Amino acid sequence: MLAERMRMDVFCSPFHVGGDSIRLSACFGVATSQGRSPVVVLREAEQALQWARTAGPESIQCFGDSPHSSDGPIAFLSPSTGGELLAW
């Protein structure tokens, strides 16, 4: 939810610089701690970020231990661009 809020608040609206309109985009990789070693969580977050980079701009990928984590990504439309986004 935090990654989605950041995507909407920071990356959704264009910035105006010197008369130009610049729109930023970002990919997010998310992993939960669940009391595990920070090294393990960081490794999972890096894997999720790699999946997000592969999925394209504005994607949010989550790495988790839930039974559904092995499922493929699902698509939904970006509220800001109308483009397709992927989520786990």
PDB file of N, CA and C in Angstrom:
ATOM      1  N   MET A   1       0.818  -1.186   0.000  1.00  0.00           N
ATOM      2  CA  MET A   1       0.000   0.000   0.000  1.00  0.00           C
ATOM      3  C   MET A   1       0.869   1.260   0.000  1.00  0.00           C
ATOM      4  N   LEU A   2       1.994   1.198   0.704  1.00  0.00           N
ATOM      5  CA  LEU A   2       2.888   2.352   0.729  1.00  0.00           C
ATOM      6  C   LEU A   2       3.485   2.615  -0.657  1.00  0.00           C
ATOM      7  N   ALA A   3       3.891   1.555  -1.346  1.00  0.00           N
ATOM      8  CA  ALA A   3       4.450   1.723  -2.693  1.00  0.00           C
ATOM      9  C   ALA A   3       3.412   2.331  -3.631  1.00  0.00           C
ATOM     10  N   GLU A   4       2.175   1.886  -3.538  1.00  0.00           N
ATOM     11  CA  GLU A   4       1.115   2.440  -4.383  1.00  0.00           C
ATOM     12  C   GLU A   4       0.871   3.904  -4.041  1.00  0.00           C
ATOM     13  N   ARG A   5       0.884   4.248  -2.756  1.00  0.00           N
ATOM     14  CA  ARG A   5       0.685   5.643  -2.347  1.00  0.00           C
ATOM     15  C   ARG A   5       1.824   6.519  -2.863  1.00  0.00           C
ATOM     16  N   MET A   6       3.054   6.024  -2.777  1.00  0.00           N
ATOM     17  CA  MET A   6       4.188   6.793  -3.311  1.00  0.00           C
ATOM     18  C   MET A   6       4.069   6.960  -4.814  1.00  0.00           C
ATOM     19  N   ARG A   7       3.686   5.888  -5.490  1.00  0.00           N
ATOM     20  CA  ARG A   7       3.527   5.955  -6.946  1.00  0.00           C
ATOM     21  C   ARG A   7       2.494   7.007  -7.324  1.00  0.00           C
ATOM     22  N   MET A   8       1.402   7.046  -6.585  1.00  0.00           N
ATOM     23  CA  MET A   8       0.338   8.005  -6.894  1.00  0.00           C
ATOM     24  C   MET A   8       0.729   9.436  -6.498  1.00  0.00           C
ATOM     25  N   ASP A   9       1.320   9.617  -5.322  1.00  0.00           N
ATOM     26  CA  ASP A   9       1.617  10.965  -4.821  1.00  0.00           C
ATOM     27  C   ASP A   9       2.825  11.601  -5.496  1.00  0.00           C
ATOM     28  N   VAL A  10       3.857  10.828  -5.748  1.00  0.00           N
ATOM     29  CA  VAL A  10       5.109  11.385  -6.268  1.00  0.00           C
ATOM     30  C   VAL A  10       5.215  11.253  -7.778  1.00  0.00           C
ATOM     31  N   PHE A  11       4.868  10.100  -8.298  1.00  0.00           N
ATOM     32  CA  PHE A  11       5.153   9.809  -9.702  1.00  0.00           C
ATOM     33  C   PHE A  11       3.967  10.015 -10.634  1.00  0.00           C
ATOM     34  N   CYS A  12       2.794  10.307 -10.102  1.00  0.00           N
ATOM     35  CA  CYS A  12       1.602  10.445 -10.933  1.00  0.00           C
ATOM     36  C   CYS A  12       1.515  11.826 -11.578  1.00  0.00           C
ATOM     37  N   SER A  13       1.873  12.848 -10.835  1.00  0.00           N
ATOM     38  CA  SER A  13       1.742  14.220 -11.327  1.00  0.00           C
ATOM     39  C   SER A  13       3.039  14.692 -11.966  1.00  0.00           C
ATOM     40  N   PRO A  14       2.942  15.386 -13.079  1.00  0.00           N
ATOM     41  CA  PRO A  14       4.159  15.907 -13.710  1.00  0.00           C
ATOM     42  C   PRO A  14       4.738  17.087 -12.926  1.00  0.00           C
ATOM     43  N   PHE A  15       6.045  17.262 -13.052  1.00  0.00           N
ATOM     44  CA  PHE A  15       6.742  18.410 -12.478  1.00  0.00           C
ATOM     45  C   PHE A  15       6.953  19.422 -13.596  1.00  0.00           C
ATOM     46  N   HIS A  16       6.881  20.689 -13.244  1.00  0.00           N
ATOM     47  CA  HIS A  16       7.088  21.745 -14.229  1.00  0.00           C
ATOM     48  C   HIS A  16       8.427  22.407 -13.946  1.00  0.00           C
ATOM     49  N   VAL A  17       9.346  22.281 -14.906  1.00  0.00           N
ATOM     50  CA  VAL A  17      10.695  22.814 -14.757  1.00  0.00           C
ATOM     51  C   VAL A  17      11.019  23.645 -15.994  1.00  0.00           C
ATOM     52  N   GLY A  18      11.252  24.919 -15.793  1.00  0.00           N
ATOM     53  CA  GLY A  18      11.648  25.780 -16.906  1.00  0.00           C
ATOM     54  C   GLY A  18      10.697  25.737 -18.080  1.00  0.00           C
ATOM     55  N   GLY A  19       9.414  25.659 -17.821  1.00  0.00           N
ATOM     56  CA  GLY A  19       8.438  25.624 -18.897  1.00  0.00           C
ATOM     57  C   GLY A  19       8.182  24.234 -19.456  1.00  0.00           C
ATOM     58  N   ASP A  20       8.967  23.242 -19.039  1.00  0.00           N
ATOM     59  CA  ASP A  20       8.765  21.869 -19.493  1.00  0.00           C
ATOM     60  C   ASP A  20       7.999  21.078 -18.447  1.00  0.00           C
ATOM     61  N   SER A  21       7.227  20.135 -18.903  1.00  0.00           N
ATOM     62  CA  SER A  21       6.494  19.235 -18.020  1.00  0.00           C
ATOM     63  C   SER A  21       7.209  17.881 -18.030  1.00  0.00           C
ATOM     64  N   ILE A  22       7.660  17.442 -16.858  1.00  0.00           N
ATOM     65  CA  ILE A  22       8.412  16.193 -16.750  1.00  0.00           C
ATOM     66  C   ILE A  22       7.636  15.239 -15.864  1.00  0.00           C
ATOM     67  N   ARG A  23       7.392  14.035 -16.350  1.00  0.00           N
ATOM     68  CA  ARG A  23       6.695  13.016 -15.577  1.00  0.00           C
ATOM     69  C   ARG A  23       7.671  11.898 -15.239  1.00  0.00           C
ATOM     70  N   LEU A  24       7.821  11.605 -13.963  1.00  0.00           N
ATOM     71  CA  LEU A  24       8.703  10.544 -13.501  1.00  0.00           C
ATOM     72  C   LEU A  24       7.944   9.230 -13.430  1.00  0.00           C
ATOM     73  N   SER A  25       8.659   8.136 -13.541  1.00  0.00           N
ATOM     74  CA  SER A  25       8.051   6.823 -13.327  1.00  0.00           C
ATOM     75  C   SER A  25       9.001   6.007 -12.457  1.00  0.00           C
ATOM     76  N   ALA A  26       8.460   4.980 -11.816  1.00  0.00           N
ATOM     77  CA  ALA A  26       9.275   4.145 -10.936  1.00  0.00           C
ATOM     78  C   ALA A  26       8.700   2.746 -10.881  1.00  0.00           C
ATOM     79  N   CYS A  27       9.553   1.814 -10.566  1.00  0.00           N
ATOM     80  CA  CYS A  27       9.158   0.441 -10.297  1.00  0.00           C
ATOM     81  C   CYS A  27       9.448   0.164  -8.824  1.00  0.00           C
ATOM     82  N   PHE A  28       8.620  -0.659  -8.199  1.00  0.00           N
ATOM     83  CA  PHE A  28       8.783  -0.967  -6.787  1.00  0.00           C
ATOM     84  C   PHE A  28       8.825  -2.472  -6.578  1.00  0.00           C
ATOM     85  N   GLY A  29       9.754  -2.919  -5.738  1.00  0.00           N
ATOM     86  CA  GLY A  29       9.823  -4.305  -5.302  1.00  0.00           C
ATOM     87  C   GLY A  29       9.585  -4.350  -3.803  1.00  0.00           C
ATOM     88  N   VAL A  30       8.654  -5.190  -3.360  1.00  0.00           N
ATOM     89  CA  VAL A  30       8.240  -5.216  -1.956  1.00  0.00           C
ATOM     90  C   VAL A  30       8.409  -6.623  -1.395  1.00  0.00           C
ATOM     91  N   ALA A  31       8.926  -6.698  -0.169  1.00  0.00           N
ATOM     92  CA  ALA A  31       9.022  -7.959   0.571  1.00  0.00           C
ATOM     93  C   ALA A  31       8.670  -7.670   2.022  1.00  0.00           C
ATOM     94  N   THR A  32       8.062  -8.633   2.685  1.00  0.00           N
ATOM     95  CA  THR A  32       7.696  -8.452   4.090  1.00  0.00           C
ATOM     96  C   THR A  32       8.696  -9.152   4.987  1.00  0.00           C
ATOM     97  N   SER A  33       8.898  -8.586   6.171  1.00  0.00           N
ATOM     98  CA  SER A  33       9.891  -9.111   7.101  1.00  0.00           C
ATOM     99  C   SER A  33       9.430 -10.399   7.765  1.00  0.00           C
ATOM    100  N   GLN A  34       8.277 -10.378   8.358  1.00  0.00           N
ATOM    101  CA  GLN A  34       7.724 -11.522   9.076  1.00  0.00           C
ATOM    102  C   GLN A  34       8.729 -12.088  10.077  1.00  0.00           C
ATOM    103  N   GLY A  35       9.569 -11.211  10.665  1.00  0.00           N
ATOM    104  CA  GLY A  35      10.532 -11.619  11.672  1.00  0.00           C
ATOM    105  C   GLY A  35      11.752 -12.342  11.129  1.00  0.00           C
ATOM    106  N   ARG A  36      11.943 -12.336   9.831  1.00  0.00           N
ATOM    107  CA  ARG A  36      13.069 -13.053   9.231  1.00  0.00           C
ATOM    108  C   ARG A  36      14.301 -12.168   9.155  1.00  0.00           C
ATOM    109  N   SER A  37      15.404 -12.772   8.805  1.00  0.00           N
ATOM    110  CA  SER A  37      16.680 -12.078   8.675  1.00  0.00           C
ATOM    111  C   SER A  37      16.584 -10.951   7.648  1.00  0.00           C
ATOM    112  N   PRO A  38      17.168  -9.793   7.948  1.00  0.00           N
ATOM    113  CA  PRO A  38      17.174  -8.693   6.975  1.00  0.00           C
ATOM    114  C   PRO A  38      17.825  -9.086   5.647  1.00  0.00           C
ATOM    115  N   VAL A  39      18.799  -9.961   5.672  1.00  0.00           N
ATOM    116  CA  VAL A  39      19.455 -10.395   4.430  1.00  0.00           C
ATOM    117  C   VAL A  39      18.470 -11.143   3.538  1.00  0.00           C
ATOM    118  N   VAL A  40      17.648 -11.992   4.126  1.00  0.00           N
ATOM    119  CA  VAL A  40      16.649 -12.745   3.363  1.00  0.00           C
ATOM    120  C   VAL A  40      15.608 -11.795   2.779  1.00  0.00           C
ATOM    121  N   VAL A  41      15.149 -10.868   3.596  1.00  0.00           N
ATOM    122  CA  VAL A  41      14.140  -9.909   3.141  1.00  0.00           C
ATOM    123  C   VAL A  41      14.701  -9.035   2.023  1.00  0.00           C
ATOM    124  N   LEU A  42      15.933  -8.583   2.172  1.00  0.00           N
ATOM    125  CA  LEU A  42      16.565  -7.772   1.133  1.00  0.00           C
ATOM    126  C   LEU A  42      16.696  -8.561  -0.170  1.00  0.00           C
ATOM    127  N   ARG A  43      17.079  -9.811  -0.085  1.00  0.00           N
ATOM    128  CA  ARG A  43      17.190 -10.658  -1.282  1.00  0.00           C
ATOM    129  C   ARG A  43      15.831 -10.783  -1.985  1.00  0.00           C
ATOM    130  N   GLU A  44      14.776 -10.987  -1.204  1.00  0.00           N
ATOM    131  CA  GLU A  44      13.436 -11.096  -1.788  1.00  0.00           C
ATOM    132  C   GLU A  44      12.980  -9.765  -2.391  1.00  0.00           C
ATOM    133  N   ALA A  45      13.291  -8.662  -1.709  1.00  0.00           N
ATOM    134  CA  ALA A  45      12.934  -7.345  -2.245  1.00  0.00           C
ATOM    135  C   ALA A  45      13.680  -7.079  -3.554  1.00  0.00           C
ATOM    136  N   GLU A  46      14.937  -7.473  -3.626  1.00  0.00           N
ATOM    137  CA  GLU A  46      15.706  -7.314  -4.867  1.00  0.00           C
ATOM    138  C   GLU A  46      15.103  -8.145  -5.993  1.00  0.00           C
ATOM    139  N   GLN A  47      14.649  -9.365  -5.677  1.00  0.00           N
ATOM    140  CA  GLN A  47      14.007 -10.203  -6.692  1.00  0.00           C
ATOM    141  C   GLN A  47      12.702  -9.561  -7.164  1.00  0.00           C
ATOM    142  N   ALA A  48      11.918  -9.042  -6.215  1.00  0.00           N
ATOM    143  CA  ALA A  48      10.666  -8.374  -6.577  1.00  0.00           C
ATOM    144  C   ALA A  48      10.939  -7.137  -7.425  1.00  0.00           C
ATOM    145  N   LEU A  49      11.994  -6.390  -7.111  1.00  0.00           N
ATOM    146  CA  LEU A  49      12.353  -5.217  -7.910  1.00  0.00           C
ATOM    147  C   LEU A  49      12.755  -5.631  -9.325  1.00  0.00           C
ATOM    148  N   GLN A  50      13.470  -6.728  -9.453  1.00  0.00           N
ATOM    149  CA  GLN A  50      13.835  -7.219 -10.788  1.00  0.00           C
ATOM    150  C   GLN A  50      12.587  -7.575 -11.588  1.00  0.00           C
ATOM    151  N   TRP A  51      11.616  -8.231 -10.935  1.00  0.00           N
ATOM    152  CA  TRP A  51      10.346  -8.542 -11.608  1.00  0.00           C
ATOM    153  C   TRP A  51       9.647  -7.261 -12.035  1.00  0.00           C
ATOM    154  N   ALA A  52       9.677  -6.234 -11.167  1.00  0.00           N
ATOM    155  CA  ALA A  52       9.028  -4.961 -11.490  1.00  0.00           C
ATOM    156  C   ALA A  52       9.708  -4.283 -12.670  1.00  0.00           C
ATOM    157  N   ARG A  53      11.027  -4.335 -12.712  1.00  0.00           N
ATOM    158  CA  ARG A  53      11.749  -3.750 -13.855  1.00  0.00           C
ATOM    159  C   ARG A  53      11.373  -4.461 -15.149  1.00  0.00           C
ATOM    160  N   THR A  54      11.249  -5.772 -15.086  1.00  0.00           N
ATOM    161  CA  THR A  54      10.863  -6.550 -16.259  1.00  0.00           C
ATOM    162  C   THR A  54       9.439  -6.217 -16.689  1.00  0.00           C
ATOM    163  N   ALA A  55       8.559  -5.988 -15.715  1.00  0.00           N
ATOM    164  CA  ALA A  55       7.155  -5.687 -16.011  1.00  0.00           C
ATOM    165  C   ALA A  55       6.982  -4.305 -16.633  1.00  0.00           C
ATOM    166  N   GLY A  56       7.903  -3.387 -16.338  1.00  0.00           N
ATOM    167  CA  GLY A  56       7.837  -2.070 -16.957  1.00  0.00           C
ATOM    168  C   GLY A  56       7.536  -0.952 -15.988  1.00  0.00           C
ATOM    169  N   PRO A  57       7.507   0.277 -16.505  1.00  0.00           N
ATOM    170  CA  PRO A  57       7.306   1.451 -15.663  1.00  0.00           C
ATOM    171  C   PRO A  57       6.019   1.361 -14.857  1.00  0.00           C
ATOM    172  N   GLU A  58       6.073   1.917 -13.658  1.00  0.00           N
ATOM    173  CA  GLU A  58       4.937   2.023 -12.745  1.00  0.00           C
ATOM    174  C   GLU A  58       4.465   0.692 -12.173  1.00  0.00           C
ATOM    175  N   SER A  59       5.246  -0.363 -12.294  1.00  0.00           N
ATOM    176  CA  SER A  59       4.793  -1.637 -11.757  1.00  0.00           C
ATOM    177  C   SER A  59       5.235  -1.803 -10.306  1.00  0.00           C
ATOM    178  N   ILE A  60       4.434  -2.546  -9.569  1.00  0.00           N
ATOM    179  CA  ILE A  60       4.711  -2.875  -8.178  1.00  0.00           C
ATOM    180  C   ILE A  60       4.651  -4.394  -8.075  1.00  0.00           C
ATOM    181  N   GLN A  61       5.744  -4.996  -7.655  1.00  0.00           N
ATOM    182  CA  GLN A  61       5.811  -6.448  -7.522  1.00  0.00           C
ATOM    183  C   GLN A  61       6.090  -6.789  -6.063  1.00  0.00           C
ATOM    184  N   CYS A  62       5.375  -7.762  -5.544  1.00  0.00           N
ATOM    185  CA  CYS A  62       5.533  -8.181  -4.152  1.00  0.00           C
ATOM    186  C   CYS A  62       6.038  -9.614  -4.098  1.00  0.00           C
ATOM    187  N   PHE A  63       7.012  -9.847  -3.253  1.00  0.00           N
ATOM    188  CA  PHE A  63       7.530 -11.185  -3.017  1.00  0.00           C
ATOM    189  C   PHE A  63       6.973 -11.616  -1.675  1.00  0.00           C
ATOM    190  N   GLY A  64       6.316 -12.769  -1.632  1.00  0.00           N
ATOM    191  CA  GLY A  64       5.719 -13.202  -0.377  1.00  0.00           C
ATOM    192  C   GLY A  64       5.733 -14.706  -0.228  1.00  0.00           C
ATOM    193  N   ASP A  65       5.456 -15.138   0.983  1.00  0.00           N
ATOM    194  CA  ASP A  65       5.407 -16.561   1.282  1.00  0.00           C
ATOM    195  C   ASP A  65       3.997 -17.115   1.256  1.00  0.00           C
ATOM    196  N   SER A  66       3.040 -16.348   0.751  1.00  0.00           N
ATOM    197  CA  SER A  66       1.667 -16.833   0.715  1.00  0.00           C
ATOM    198  C   SER A  66       1.529 -17.907  -0.355  1.00  0.00           C
ATOM    199  N   PRO A  67       0.513 -18.757  -0.256  1.00  0.00           N
ATOM    200  CA  PRO A  67       0.311 -19.789  -1.289  1.00  0.00           C
ATOM    201  C   PRO A  67       0.133 -19.208  -2.681  1.00  0.00           C
ATOM    202  N   HIS A  68      -0.286 -17.951  -2.759  1.00  0.00           N
ATOM    203  CA  HIS A  68      -0.517 -17.326  -4.068  1.00  0.00           C
ATOM    204  C   HIS A  68       0.744 -16.709  -4.656  1.00  0.00           C
ATOM    205  N   SER A  69       1.864 -16.706  -3.914  1.00  0.00           N
ATOM    206  CA  SER A  69       3.064 -16.027  -4.403  1.00  0.00           C
ATOM    207  C   SER A  69       3.663 -16.715  -5.619  1.00  0.00           C
ATOM    208  N   SER A  70       3.356 -17.976  -5.836  1.00  0.00           N
ATOM    209  CA  SER A  70       3.890 -18.668  -7.012  1.00  0.00           C
ATOM    210  C   SER A  70       3.037 -18.431  -8.244  1.00  0.00           C
ATOM    211  N   ASP A  71       1.861 -17.816  -8.056  1.00  0.00           N
ATOM    212  CA  ASP A  71       1.012 -17.501  -9.190  1.00  0.00           C
ATOM    213  C   ASP A  71       1.651 -16.395 -10.007  1.00  0.00           C
ATOM    214  N   GLY A  72       1.282 -16.301 -11.259  1.00  0.00           N
ATOM    215  CA  GLY A  72       1.792 -15.235 -12.100  1.00  0.00           C
ATOM    216  C   GLY A  72       1.174 -13.904 -11.733  1.00  0.00           C
ATOM    217  N   PRO A  73       1.671 -12.837 -12.326  1.00  0.00           N
ATOM    218  CA  PRO A  73       1.118 -11.513 -12.026  1.00  0.00           C
ATOM    219  C   PRO A  73      -0.281 -11.358 -12.595  1.00  0.00           C
ATOM    220  N   ILE A  74      -1.052 -10.467 -11.990  1.00  0.00           N
ATOM    221  CA  ILE A  74      -2.362 -10.124 -12.520  1.00  0.00           C
ATOM    222  C   ILE A  74      -2.275  -8.693 -13.041  1.00  0.00           C
ATOM    223  N   ALA A  75      -3.084  -8.369 -14.016  1.00  0.00           N
ATOM    224  CA  ALA A  75      -3.031  -7.044 -14.632  1.00  0.00           C
ATOM    225  C   ALA A  75      -4.165  -6.177 -14.111  1.00  0.00           C
ATOM    226  N   PHE A  76      -3.906  -4.891 -13.966  1.00  0.00           N
ATOM    227  CA  PHE A  76      -4.934  -3.915 -13.674  1.00  0.00           C
ATOM    228  C   PHE A  76      -4.530  -2.610 -14.346  1.00  0.00           C
ATOM    229  N   LEU A  77      -5.472  -1.696 -14.486  1.00  0.00           N
ATOM    230  CA  LEU A  77      -5.200  -0.447 -15.197  1.00  0.00           C
ATOM    231  C   LEU A  77      -4.715   0.623 -14.236  1.00  0.00           C
ATOM    232  N   SER A  78      -3.733   1.376 -14.679  1.00  0.00           N
ATOM    233  CA  SER A  78      -3.210   2.498 -13.905  1.00  0.00           C
ATOM    234  C   SER A  78      -4.254   3.603 -13.874  1.00  0.00           C
ATOM    235  N   PRO A  79      -4.587   4.114 -12.678  1.00  0.00           N
ATOM    236  CA  PRO A  79      -5.555   5.213 -12.629  1.00  0.00           C
ATOM    237  C   PRO A  79      -5.016   6.501 -13.236  1.00  0.00           C
ATOM    238  N   SER A  80      -3.696   6.640 -13.290  1.00  0.00           N
ATOM    239  CA  SER A  80      -3.128   7.896 -13.796  1.00  0.00           C
ATOM    240  C   SER A  80      -2.949   7.884 -15.306  1.00  0.00           C
ATOM    241  N   THR A  81      -2.515   6.750 -15.856  1.00  0.00           N
ATOM    242  CA  THR A  81      -2.217   6.716 -17.284  1.00  0.00           C
ATOM    243  C   THR A  81      -3.191   5.886 -18.091  1.00  0.00           C
ATOM    244  N   GLY A  82      -3.963   5.023 -17.414  1.00  0.00           N
ATOM    245  CA  GLY A  82      -4.850   4.122 -18.129  1.00  0.00           C
ATOM    246  C   GLY A  82      -4.120   2.928 -18.696  1.00  0.00           C
ATOM    247  N   GLY A  83      -2.784   2.884 -18.511  1.00  0.00           N
ATOM    248  CA  GLY A  83      -1.989   1.764 -19.004  1.00  0.00           C
ATOM    249  C   GLY A  83      -2.113   0.554 -18.099  1.00  0.00           C
ATOM    250  N   GLU A  84      -1.705  -0.582 -18.616  1.00  0.00           N
ATOM    251  CA  GLU A  84      -1.787  -1.822 -17.852  1.00  0.00           C
ATOM    252  C   GLU A  84      -0.618  -1.950 -16.888  1.00  0.00           C
ATOM    253  N   LEU A  85      -0.912  -2.310 -15.635  1.00  0.00           N
ATOM    254  CA  LEU A  85       0.097  -2.552 -14.621  1.00  0.00           C
ATOM    255  C   LEU A  85      -0.016  -4.000 -14.170  1.00  0.00           C
ATOM    256  N   LEU A  86       1.046  -4.526 -13.598  1.00  0.00           N
ATOM    257  CA  LEU A  86       1.042  -5.894 -13.097  1.00  0.00           C
ATOM    258  C   LEU A  86       1.220  -5.884 -11.582  1.00  0.00           C
ATOM    259  N   ALA A  87       0.585  -6.835 -10.918  1.00  0.00           N
ATOM    260  CA  ALA A  87       0.731  -6.970  -9.472  1.00  0.00           C
ATOM    261  C   ALA A  87       0.644  -8.436  -9.114  1.00  0.00           C
ATOM    262  N   TRP A  88       1.267  -8.803  -8.014  1.00  0.00           N
ATOM    263  CA  TRP A  88       1.211 -10.182  -7.525  1.00  0.00           C
ATOM    264  C   TRP A  88       0.107 -10.329  -6.540  1.00  0.00           C
TER     265      TRP A  88
END
